Amino acid sequence: MVARRVLSIQSHVVHGCVGNRAAALPLQLLGIETDVLNTLQYSNHAGYGSFAGEKLTGDQLYALLDGMHRNGLLAASHVLTGYMGSAETIRAVLRALPLLRSARPDVQFWCDPVLGDNGRLYVPPALVDVYRDEVVPHAYALLPNQFEAEVLSGVTICTAADARRACGVLHRRGVELVVITSAEFADTPAVPAA
């Protein structure tokens, strides 16, 4: 069996459990080697109203990946992206995919397109176009929530059948696996948590 190694390219917060703070430890506890590349470091997630910190530029992100490549360290079986922060950082990951594939042609690109939720974008609207037109065709797996699936597919999701239609649109754009990570359907009663 070929060893699994994940390159997790996501945000990092000092307080809270999102991005790489939420992804790296569970992967490591499952015995999966995990390389962590933080797209930004913030004091807390932006939902608090204020935060402090810095973002990597696309050039900085690519330089880190290129440095790993030059040292033979860019051999992930899976690339997992989360919150990217800008079009240039998203494009830097796409620019690095050939480097990843040169070391491991079977690498899978798993994309959580962190765009928004509950009918509201967290990012500038232009990022939707970048994800839809540039990222989706390269992703092996797409992990949107209901709102993100709607904006990327153009299908309003009110029922499980709508969700299947949205997934079909994304499959036709090249994604092999689509997992809608959360949804509320008008035709399905809510199940209370125990």
C-alpha atoms as a PDB file:
ATOM      1  CA  MET A   1       0.000   0.000   0.000  1.00  0.00           C
ATOM      2  CA  VAL A   2       1.300   3.440  -0.947  1.00  0.00           C
ATOM      3  CA  ALA A   3       1.628   5.789   2.028  1.00  0.00           C
ATOM      4  CA  ARG A   4      -0.852   8.631   2.249  1.00  0.00           C
ATOM      5  CA  ARG A   5       0.470  12.110   2.850  1.00  0.00           C
ATOM      6  CA  VAL A   6      -1.712  15.204   2.870  1.00  0.00           C
ATOM      7  CA  LEU A   7      -0.547  18.703   2.033  1.00  0.00           C
ATOM      8  CA  SER A   8      -3.088  20.889   3.834  1.00  0.00           C
ATOM      9  CA  ILE A   9      -3.171  24.452   2.495  1.00  0.00           C
ATOM     10  CA  GLN A  10      -5.539  26.449   4.663  1.00  0.00           C
ATOM     11  CA  SER A  11      -5.856  29.294   7.128  1.00  0.00           C
ATOM     12  CA  HIS A  12      -4.536  29.274  10.684  1.00  0.00           C
ATOM     13  CA  VAL A  13      -6.064  31.019  13.671  1.00  0.00           C
ATOM     14  CA  VAL A  14      -4.473  31.443  17.084  1.00  0.00           C
ATOM     15  CA  HIS A  15      -7.871  31.194  18.829  1.00  0.00           C
ATOM     16  CA  GLY A  16     -10.480  28.805  17.541  1.00  0.00           C
ATOM     17  CA  CYS A  17     -10.655  25.629  15.546  1.00  0.00           C
ATOM     18  CA  VAL A  18     -10.932  26.328  11.817  1.00  0.00           C
ATOM     19  CA  GLY A  19      -8.663  25.750   8.834  1.00  0.00           C
ATOM     20  CA  ASN A  20      -5.456  23.909   9.586  1.00  0.00           C
ATOM     21  CA  ARG A  21      -6.239  24.046  13.325  1.00  0.00           C
ATOM     22  CA  ALA A  22      -9.246  21.820  12.560  1.00  0.00           C
ATOM     23  CA  ALA A  23      -7.711  19.654   9.812  1.00  0.00           C
ATOM     24  CA  ALA A  24      -4.160  18.729  10.784  1.00  0.00           C
ATOM     25  CA  LEU A  25      -4.645  16.993  14.125  1.00  0.00           C
ATOM     26  CA  PRO A  26      -7.479  14.658  13.025  1.00  0.00           C
ATOM     27  CA  LEU A  27      -5.459  13.643   9.956  1.00  0.00           C
ATOM     28  CA  GLN A  28      -2.402  12.970  12.108  1.00  0.00           C
ATOM     29  CA  LEU A  29      -4.467  10.994  14.639  1.00  0.00           C
ATOM     30  CA  LEU A  30      -5.617   8.814  11.740  1.00  0.00           C
ATOM     31  CA  GLY A  31      -1.949   8.095  11.035  1.00  0.00           C
ATOM     32  CA  ILE A  32      -1.803  10.280   7.927  1.00  0.00           C
ATOM     33  CA  GLU A  33       1.395  12.284   7.521  1.00  0.00           C
ATOM     34  CA  THR A  34       0.345  15.915   7.139  1.00  0.00           C
ATOM     35  CA  ASP A  35       2.327  18.845   5.784  1.00  0.00           C
ATOM     36  CA  VAL A  36       0.727  22.130   6.855  1.00  0.00           C
ATOM     37  CA  LEU A  37       0.945  25.310   4.797  1.00  0.00           C
ATOM     38  CA  ASN A  38      -0.905  28.231   6.378  1.00  0.00           C
ATOM     39  CA  THR A  39      -2.352  30.701   3.872  1.00  0.00           C
ATOM     40  CA  LEU A  40      -2.758  33.242   6.643  1.00  0.00           C
ATOM     41  CA  GLN A  41      -2.370  33.645  10.361  1.00  0.00           C
ATOM     42  CA  TYR A  42      -5.105  35.537  12.159  1.00  0.00           C
ATOM     43  CA  SER A  43      -5.810  36.083  15.832  1.00  0.00           C
ATOM     44  CA  ASN A  44      -9.253  34.496  15.348  1.00  0.00           C
ATOM     45  CA  HIS A  45     -11.630  33.838  12.465  1.00  0.00           C
ATOM     46  CA  ALA A  46     -13.214  36.829  10.784  1.00  0.00           C
ATOM     47  CA  GLY A  47     -16.670  36.002  12.155  1.00  0.00           C
ATOM     48  CA  TYR A  48     -15.754  37.739  15.411  1.00  0.00           C
ATOM     49  CA  GLY A  49     -15.989  41.111  13.700  1.00  0.00           C
ATOM     50  CA  SER A  50     -12.369  42.068  14.162  1.00  0.00           C
ATOM     51  CA  PHE A  51      -9.121  40.184  13.825  1.00  0.00           C
ATOM     52  CA  ALA A  52      -5.422  40.824  13.381  1.00  0.00           C
ATOM     53  CA  GLY A  53      -2.832  39.025  11.322  1.00  0.00           C
ATOM     54  CA  GLU A  54      -1.292  38.545   7.911  1.00  0.00           C
ATOM     55  CA  LYS A  55      -1.957  36.691   4.661  1.00  0.00           C
ATOM     56  CA  LEU A  56       0.580  35.050   2.398  1.00  0.00           C
ATOM     57  CA  THR A  57       0.741  36.439  -1.116  1.00  0.00           C
ATOM     58  CA  GLY A  58       0.437  34.060  -4.044  1.00  0.00           C
ATOM     59  CA  ASP A  59       4.158  34.441  -4.741  1.00  0.00           C
ATOM     60  CA  GLN A  60       5.031  33.597  -1.133  1.00  0.00           C
ATOM     61  CA  LEU A  61       2.796  30.524  -1.161  1.00  0.00           C
ATOM     62  CA  TYR A  62       4.236  29.313  -4.464  1.00  0.00           C
ATOM     63  CA  ALA A  63       7.804  29.906  -3.212  1.00  0.00           C
ATOM     64  CA  LEU A  64       7.144  27.631  -0.228  1.00  0.00           C
ATOM     65  CA  LEU A  65       5.780  24.899  -2.488  1.00  0.00           C
ATOM     66  CA  ASP A  66       8.650  25.320  -4.953  1.00  0.00           C
ATOM     67  CA  GLY A  67      11.146  25.093  -2.092  1.00  0.00           C
ATOM     68  CA  MET A  68       9.591  21.822  -0.992  1.00  0.00           C
ATOM     69  CA  HIS A  69       9.697  20.586  -4.595  1.00  0.00           C
ATOM     70  CA  ARG A  70      13.396  21.446  -5.026  1.00  0.00           C
ATOM     71  CA  ASN A  71      14.196  19.442  -1.896  1.00  0.00           C
ATOM     72  CA  GLY A  72      12.111  16.414  -2.897  1.00  0.00           C
ATOM     73  CA  LEU A  73       9.574  17.074  -0.154  1.00  0.00           C
ATOM     74  CA  LEU A  74       6.504  17.759  -2.307  1.00  0.00           C
ATOM     75  CA  ALA A  75       5.239  14.186  -2.508  1.00  0.00           C
ATOM     76  CA  ALA A  76       1.674  14.419  -1.212  1.00  0.00           C
ATOM     77  CA  SER A  77      -0.903  11.825  -2.184  1.00  0.00           C
ATOM     78  CA  HIS A  78      -3.613  14.406  -1.444  1.00  0.00           C
ATOM     79  CA  VAL A  79      -3.746  18.207  -1.473  1.00  0.00           C
ATOM     80  CA  LEU A  80      -6.468  19.692   0.709  1.00  0.00           C
ATOM     81  CA  THR A  81      -7.294  23.369   0.364  1.00  0.00           C
ATOM     82  CA  GLY A  82      -9.558  25.423   2.582  1.00  0.00           C
ATOM     83  CA  TYR A  83      -9.764  29.177   3.075  1.00  0.00           C
ATOM     84  CA  MET A  84      -7.334  30.793   0.653  1.00  0.00           C
ATOM     85  CA  GLY A  85      -7.987  34.506   1.139  1.00  0.00           C
ATOM     86  CA  SER A  86      -7.293  35.741  -2.393  1.00  0.00           C
ATOM     87  CA  ALA A  87      -7.372  34.821  -6.055  1.00  0.00           C
ATOM     88  CA  GLU A  88      -3.579  34.964  -6.223  1.00  0.00           C
ATOM     89  CA  THR A  89      -3.146  32.301  -3.520  1.00  0.00           C
ATOM     90  CA  ILE A  90      -5.697  30.046  -5.212  1.00  0.00           C
ATOM     91  CA  ARG A  91      -3.879  30.465  -8.503  1.00  0.00           C
ATOM     92  CA  ALA A  92      -0.530  29.730  -6.812  1.00  0.00           C
ATOM     93  CA  VAL A  93      -1.884  26.318  -5.767  1.00  0.00           C
ATOM     94  CA  LEU A  94      -3.071  25.662  -9.324  1.00  0.00           C
ATOM     95  CA  ARG A  95       0.356  26.733 -10.616  1.00  0.00           C
ATOM     96  CA  ALA A  96       1.984  24.233  -8.226  1.00  0.00           C
ATOM     97  CA  LEU A  97      -0.160  21.259  -9.282  1.00  0.00           C
ATOM     98  CA  PRO A  98       2.331  20.261 -12.029  1.00  0.00           C
ATOM     99  CA  LEU A  99       5.109  20.247  -9.396  1.00  0.00           C
ATOM    100  CA  LEU A 100       3.018  17.952  -7.220  1.00  0.00           C
ATOM    101  CA  ARG A 101       2.174  15.711 -10.179  1.00  0.00           C
ATOM    102  CA  SER A 102       5.829  15.468 -11.209  1.00  0.00           C
ATOM    103  CA  ALA A 103       6.563  13.832  -7.842  1.00  0.00           C
ATOM    104  CA  ARG A 104       3.316  11.880  -7.614  1.00  0.00           C
ATOM    105  CA  PRO A 105       1.187  11.695 -10.793  1.00  0.00           C
ATOM    106  CA  ASP A 106      -1.773  10.236  -8.897  1.00  0.00           C
ATOM    107  CA  VAL A 107      -2.058  13.150  -6.420  1.00  0.00           C
ATOM    108  CA  GLN A 108      -5.673  14.056  -5.644  1.00  0.00           C
ATOM    109  CA  PHE A 109      -6.717  17.694  -5.214  1.00  0.00           C
ATOM    110  CA  TRP A 110      -9.454  17.996  -2.570  1.00  0.00           C
ATOM    111  CA  CYS A 111     -10.949  21.493  -2.416  1.00  0.00           C
ATOM    112  CA  ASP A 112     -13.110  22.967   0.312  1.00  0.00           C
ATOM    113  CA  PRO A 113     -14.144  26.194  -1.436  1.00  0.00           C
ATOM    114  CA  VAL A 114     -14.581  28.353   1.644  1.00  0.00           C
ATOM    115  CA  LEU A 115     -16.714  31.085   0.089  1.00  0.00           C
ATOM    116  CA  GLY A 116     -19.576  31.665   2.510  1.00  0.00           C
ATOM    117  CA  ASP A 117     -22.618  30.167   4.182  1.00  0.00           C
ATOM    118  CA  ASN A 118     -26.280  30.815   4.913  1.00  0.00           C
ATOM    119  CA  GLY A 119     -26.741  32.949   1.796  1.00  0.00           C
ATOM    120  CA  ARG A 120     -23.741  35.215   2.475  1.00  0.00           C
ATOM    121  CA  LEU A 121     -20.282  35.343   0.933  1.00  0.00           C
ATOM    122  CA  TYR A 122     -17.264  35.594   3.264  1.00  0.00           C
ATOM    123  CA  VAL A 123     -15.014  36.514   0.348  1.00  0.00           C
ATOM    124  CA  PRO A 124     -15.064  39.043  -2.514  1.00  0.00           C
ATOM    125  CA  PRO A 125     -17.564  37.957  -5.206  1.00  0.00           C
ATOM    126  CA  ALA A 126     -14.767  37.673  -7.801  1.00  0.00           C
ATOM    127  CA  LEU A 127     -13.438  34.597  -5.957  1.00  0.00           C
ATOM    128  CA  VAL A 128     -16.605  32.696  -6.884  1.00  0.00           C
ATOM    129  CA  ASP A 129     -15.651  33.020 -10.562  1.00  0.00           C
ATOM    130  CA  VAL A 130     -12.082  31.890  -9.855  1.00  0.00           C
ATOM    131  CA  TYR A 131     -13.288  28.781  -8.014  1.00  0.00           C
ATOM    132  CA  ARG A 132     -15.999  27.963 -10.559  1.00  0.00           C
ATOM    133  CA  ASP A 133     -13.950  28.567 -13.710  1.00  0.00           C
ATOM    134  CA  GLU A 134     -10.364  27.794 -12.651  1.00  0.00           C
ATOM    135  CA  VAL A 135     -10.392  25.520  -9.596  1.00  0.00           C
ATOM    136  CA  VAL A 136     -13.375  23.206 -10.105  1.00  0.00           C
ATOM    137  CA  PRO A 137     -12.020  21.695 -13.371  1.00  0.00           C
ATOM    138  CA  HIS A 138      -8.814  20.640 -11.536  1.00  0.00           C
ATOM    139  CA  ALA A 139     -10.378  19.283  -8.353  1.00  0.00           C
ATOM    140  CA  TYR A 140     -10.716  15.550  -7.791  1.00  0.00           C
ATOM    141  CA  ALA A 141     -13.044  16.236  -4.849  1.00  0.00           C
ATOM    142  CA  LEU A 142     -15.104  19.301  -3.986  1.00  0.00           C
ATOM    143  CA  LEU A 143     -16.398  19.796  -0.419  1.00  0.00           C
ATOM    144  CA  PRO A 144     -18.845  22.732  -0.538  1.00  0.00           C
ATOM    145  CA  ASN A 145     -21.570  23.521   1.960  1.00  0.00           C
ATOM    146  CA  GLN A 146     -25.082  24.036   0.549  1.00  0.00           C
ATOM    147  CA  PHE A 147     -24.581  27.738  -0.206  1.00  0.00           C
ATOM    148  CA  GLU A 148     -21.197  27.141  -1.880  1.00  0.00           C
ATOM    149  CA  ALA A 149     -22.663  24.302  -3.971  1.00  0.00           C
ATOM    150  CA  GLU A 150     -25.407  26.675  -5.091  1.00  0.00           C
ATOM    151  CA  VAL A 151     -23.076  29.493  -6.137  1.00  0.00           C
ATOM    152  CA  LEU A 152     -20.653  27.142  -7.906  1.00  0.00           C
ATOM    153  CA  SER A 153     -23.315  25.121  -9.738  1.00  0.00           C
ATOM    154  CA  GLY A 154     -25.970  27.780 -10.336  1.00  0.00           C
ATOM    155  CA  VAL A 155     -28.618  25.414  -8.881  1.00  0.00           C
ATOM    156  CA  THR A 156     -30.801  26.566  -5.971  1.00  0.00           C
ATOM    157  CA  ILE A 157     -30.887  23.704  -3.461  1.00  0.00           C
ATOM    158  CA  CYS A 158     -34.153  23.221  -1.577  1.00  0.00           C
ATOM    159  CA  THR A 159     -34.475  19.427  -1.783  1.00  0.00           C
ATOM    160  CA  ALA A 160     -32.264  16.360  -1.969  1.00  0.00           C
ATOM    161  CA  ALA A 161     -33.111  16.172  -5.688  1.00  0.00           C
ATOM    162  CA  ASP A 162     -31.812  19.728  -6.126  1.00  0.00           C
ATOM    163  CA  ALA A 163     -28.602  18.730  -4.342  1.00  0.00           C
ATOM    164  CA  ARG A 164     -28.164  15.818  -6.763  1.00  0.00           C
ATOM    165  CA  ARG A 165     -28.694  18.217  -9.704  1.00  0.00           C
ATOM    166  CA  ALA A 166     -26.072  20.610  -8.301  1.00  0.00           C
ATOM    167  CA  CYS A 167     -23.648  17.713  -7.872  1.00  0.00           C
ATOM    168  CA  GLY A 168     -24.343  16.670 -11.471  1.00  0.00           C
ATOM    169  CA  VAL A 169     -23.419  20.139 -12.734  1.00  0.00           C
ATOM    170  CA  LEU A 170     -20.141  20.008 -10.772  1.00  0.00           C
ATOM    171  CA  HIS A 171     -19.403  16.468 -12.008  1.00  0.00           C
ATOM    172  CA  ARG A 172     -19.852  17.645 -15.600  1.00  0.00           C
ATOM    173  CA  ARG A 173     -17.263  20.372 -14.918  1.00  0.00           C
ATOM    174  CA  GLY A 174     -14.727  17.650 -14.093  1.00  0.00           C
ATOM    175  CA  VAL A 175     -15.056  16.922 -10.368  1.00  0.00           C
ATOM    176  CA  GLU A 176     -15.140  13.191  -9.615  1.00  0.00           C
ATOM    177  CA  LEU A 177     -16.363  13.408  -6.014  1.00  0.00           C
ATOM    178  CA  VAL A 178     -18.717  16.071  -4.611  1.00  0.00           C
ATOM    179  CA  VAL A 179     -19.640  16.059  -0.921  1.00  0.00           C
ATOM    180  CA  ILE A 180     -22.087  18.733   0.175  1.00  0.00           C
ATOM    181  CA  THR A 181     -20.916  19.095   3.755  1.00  0.00           C
ATOM    182  CA  SER A 182     -24.057  20.652   5.240  1.00  0.00           C
ATOM    183  CA  ALA A 183     -27.545  21.337   3.942  1.00  0.00           C
ATOM    184  CA  GLU A 184     -31.110  22.027   5.011  1.00  0.00           C
ATOM    185  CA  PHE A 185     -33.842  20.681   2.735  1.00  0.00           C
ATOM    186  CA  ALA A 186     -37.417  21.975   2.633  1.00  0.00           C
ATOM    187  CA  ASP A 187     -38.704  18.415   2.105  1.00  0.00           C
ATOM    188  CA  THR A 188     -36.826  16.893   5.059  1.00  0.00           C
ATOM    189  CA  PRO A 189     -37.690  17.675   8.664  1.00  0.00           C
ATOM    190  CA  ALA A 190     -34.857  18.763  10.906  1.00  0.00           C
ATOM    191  CA  VAL A 191     -33.501  16.095  13.207  1.00  0.00           C
ATOM    192  CA  PRO A 192     -32.740  17.416  16.688  1.00  0.00           C
ATOM    193  CA  ALA A 193     -29.329  16.661  18.122  1.00  0.00           C
ATOM    194  CA  ALA A 194     -29.350  14.170  20.970  1.00  0.00           C
END
